[in-house]
Amino acid sequence: MGLSFKHIKKYLVDLFIFLFILLFVYAAVSKLVDYETFENQLGQSPLLSAFAGWVAPGVIIIELLIALLLIFERTRLIALFGFYSMMVLFTTYIIIILNFTDFIPCSCGGVLEQLSWTEHLVFNVGFMGLGVVGIFIQSSKFKVQG
């Protein structure tokens, strides 16, 4: 007997949740390990320089909070919306930086710094797509069956 569509959806959302947690915990820890560099790079950003003092810790806290909330079934849907929203913000930032500034500081941390800006954009858009699928699957669990 094969897997039902319901089981496949559950495995998919579990895989996505694992990847989202891994991504945000990895990104947050990478930023914490080299916090001074992360904050300095934000300070060099033409868009965020005035806000680097609170954006730096804020991003790390939000990434870790979303990762934590993704763990629990009860908070998973709101965390998926939070994950997707953060990815939209990160992607929008990349698009603005690429199109409207000459200086492009990278404040991603870890192996993500090794990606070109175009690769990073594709990576983010891919995770945004997974986020939408995750939200759709997770939210379908809450629909009233009639």
Protein backbone atom coordinates (compact mmCIF):
# COMPACT_ATOMS: atom_id res chain seq x y z
CA MET A 1 0.00 0.00 0.00
CA GLY A 2 1.45 3.35 -1.07
CA LEU A 3 1.48 6.68 0.65
CA SER A 4 -1.70 8.71 0.54
CA PHE A 5 -1.73 12.32 -0.64
CA LYS A 6 -2.38 13.33 2.98
CA HIS A 7 0.81 11.57 4.13
CA ILE A 8 2.84 13.08 1.31
CA LYS A 9 1.63 16.58 2.27
CA LYS A 10 2.58 15.90 5.90
CA TYR A 11 6.07 14.73 4.93
CA LEU A 12 6.52 17.71 2.63
CA VAL A 13 5.53 20.25 5.25
CA ASP A 14 7.74 18.48 7.81
CA LEU A 15 10.67 18.66 5.37
CA PHE A 16 10.00 22.34 4.69
CA ILE A 17 9.75 23.09 8.41
CA PHE A 18 13.07 21.33 9.00
CA LEU A 19 14.72 23.34 6.19
CA PHE A 20 13.25 26.63 7.45
CA ILE A 21 14.42 25.98 11.01
CA LEU A 22 17.85 24.95 9.76
CA LEU A 23 18.13 28.06 7.57
CA PHE A 24 17.10 30.56 10.25
CA VAL A 25 19.07 28.96 13.10
CA TYR A 26 22.14 28.69 10.89
CA ALA A 27 21.79 32.29 9.71
CA ALA A 28 21.23 33.62 13.25
CA VAL A 29 24.13 31.67 14.73
CA SER A 30 26.43 32.75 11.88
CA LYS A 31 25.53 36.37 12.61
CA LEU A 32 26.03 35.90 16.35
CA VAL A 33 29.43 34.25 15.90
CA ASP A 34 30.68 37.29 13.98
CA TYR A 35 28.25 39.86 15.37
CA GLU A 36 30.60 42.82 15.06
CA THR A 37 31.11 42.20 11.34
CA PHE A 38 27.36 41.70 10.84
CA GLU A 39 26.56 44.98 12.58
CA ASN A 40 29.33 46.81 10.69
CA GLN A 41 28.06 45.52 7.35
CA LEU A 42 24.55 46.69 8.19
CA GLY A 43 26.06 50.04 9.15
CA GLN A 44 27.60 50.26 5.66
CA SER A 45 24.29 49.55 3.96
CA PRO A 46 22.91 52.59 2.18
CA LEU A 47 19.41 51.58 3.33
CA LEU A 48 20.03 50.41 6.89
CA SER A 49 22.99 52.41 8.19
CA ALA A 50 20.84 54.64 10.42
CA PHE A 51 19.09 51.61 11.92
CA ALA A 52 21.95 49.09 12.21
CA GLY A 53 22.05 49.33 16.01
CA TRP A 54 18.61 47.82 16.40
CA VAL A 55 18.24 45.95 13.10
CA ALA A 56 21.22 43.69 13.85
CA PRO A 57 19.93 42.22 17.12
CA GLY A 58 16.34 42.42 15.86
CA VAL A 59 16.97 40.23 12.82
CA ILE A 60 18.77 37.61 14.93
CA ILE A 61 16.03 37.55 17.57
CA ILE A 62 13.27 37.30 14.95
CA GLU A 63 15.06 34.50 13.08
CA LEU A 64 15.49 32.50 16.29
CA LEU A 65 11.94 33.20 17.45
CA ILE A 66 10.46 32.07 14.13
CA ALA A 67 12.62 28.92 14.21
CA LEU A 68 11.37 28.18 17.72
CA LEU A 69 7.73 28.78 16.78
CA LEU A 70 8.09 26.49 13.75
CA ILE A 71 8.82 23.57 16.08
CA PHE A 72 5.38 23.53 17.66
CA GLU A 73 2.27 22.52 15.74
CA ARG A 74 0.19 25.09 17.60
CA THR A 75 2.34 28.04 16.45
CA ARG A 76 3.50 26.65 13.13
CA LEU A 77 1.11 28.50 10.83
CA ILE A 78 1.90 31.93 12.27
CA ALA A 79 5.61 31.04 12.17
CA LEU A 80 5.28 30.07 8.51
CA PHE A 81 3.78 33.49 7.79
CA GLY A 82 6.67 35.03 9.77
CA PHE A 83 9.22 32.99 7.82
CA TYR A 84 7.67 33.96 4.51
CA SER A 85 7.50 37.64 5.54
CA MET A 86 11.16 37.70 6.55
CA MET A 87 12.16 36.06 3.27
CA VAL A 88 10.12 38.68 1.38
CA LEU A 89 11.90 41.44 3.32
CA PHE A 90 15.35 39.92 2.70
CA THR A 91 14.55 39.47 -1.01
CA THR A 92 13.16 42.98 -1.36
CA TYR A 93 16.32 44.33 0.28
CA ILE A 94 18.48 42.43 -2.23
CA ILE A 95 16.44 43.71 -5.18
CA ILE A 96 16.65 47.31 -3.95
CA ILE A 97 20.39 47.06 -3.25
CA LEU A 98 21.08 45.51 -6.66
CA ASN A 99 19.05 48.05 -8.58
CA PHE A 100 19.48 51.32 -6.73
CA THR A 101 22.90 51.41 -5.03
CA ASP A 102 26.51 51.20 -6.09
CA PHE A 103 27.82 49.71 -2.84
CA ILE A 104 26.55 46.26 -1.95
CA PRO A 105 27.60 45.01 1.51
CA CYS A 106 26.75 41.39 2.32
CA SER A 107 25.50 40.82 5.85
CA CYS A 108 24.15 37.30 5.38
CA GLY A 109 26.65 35.27 7.35
CA GLY A 110 28.06 31.78 6.88
CA VAL A 111 28.05 30.03 3.53
CA LEU A 112 25.36 32.36 2.22
CA GLU A 113 28.05 35.02 1.90
CA GLN A 114 29.68 32.81 -0.73
CA LEU A 115 26.68 33.15 -3.06
CA SER A 116 26.61 35.82 -5.74
CA TRP A 117 23.80 38.33 -5.36
CA THR A 118 21.90 36.67 -8.23
CA GLU A 119 22.34 33.23 -6.65
CA HIS A 120 21.21 34.65 -3.33
CA LEU A 121 18.15 36.12 -4.98
CA VAL A 122 17.27 32.75 -6.58
CA PHE A 123 17.89 31.00 -3.23
CA ASN A 124 15.54 33.42 -1.43
CA VAL A 125 12.83 33.18 -4.09
CA GLY A 126 13.05 29.38 -3.89
CA PHE A 127 12.57 29.45 -0.12
CA MET A 128 9.72 31.93 -0.54
CA GLY A 129 8.05 29.42 -2.86
CA LEU A 130 8.53 26.64 -0.32
CA GLY A 131 7.10 28.96 2.31
CA VAL A 132 3.94 29.53 0.27
CA VAL A 133 3.51 25.78 -0.23
CA GLY A 134 4.10 25.22 3.50
CA ILE A 135 1.52 27.86 4.41
CA PHE A 136 -1.00 26.35 2.00
CA ILE A 137 -0.53 22.82 3.34
CA GLN A 138 -0.48 23.91 6.98
CA SER A 139 -3.53 26.15 6.61
CA SER A 140 -5.47 23.34 4.92
CA LYS A 141 -5.25 21.46 8.24
CA PHE A 142 -7.41 24.15 9.82
CA LYS A 143 -10.18 24.23 7.22
CA VAL A 144 -13.53 22.93 8.35
CA GLN A 145 -14.36 19.71 6.55
CA GLY A 146 -17.89 19.80 5.28
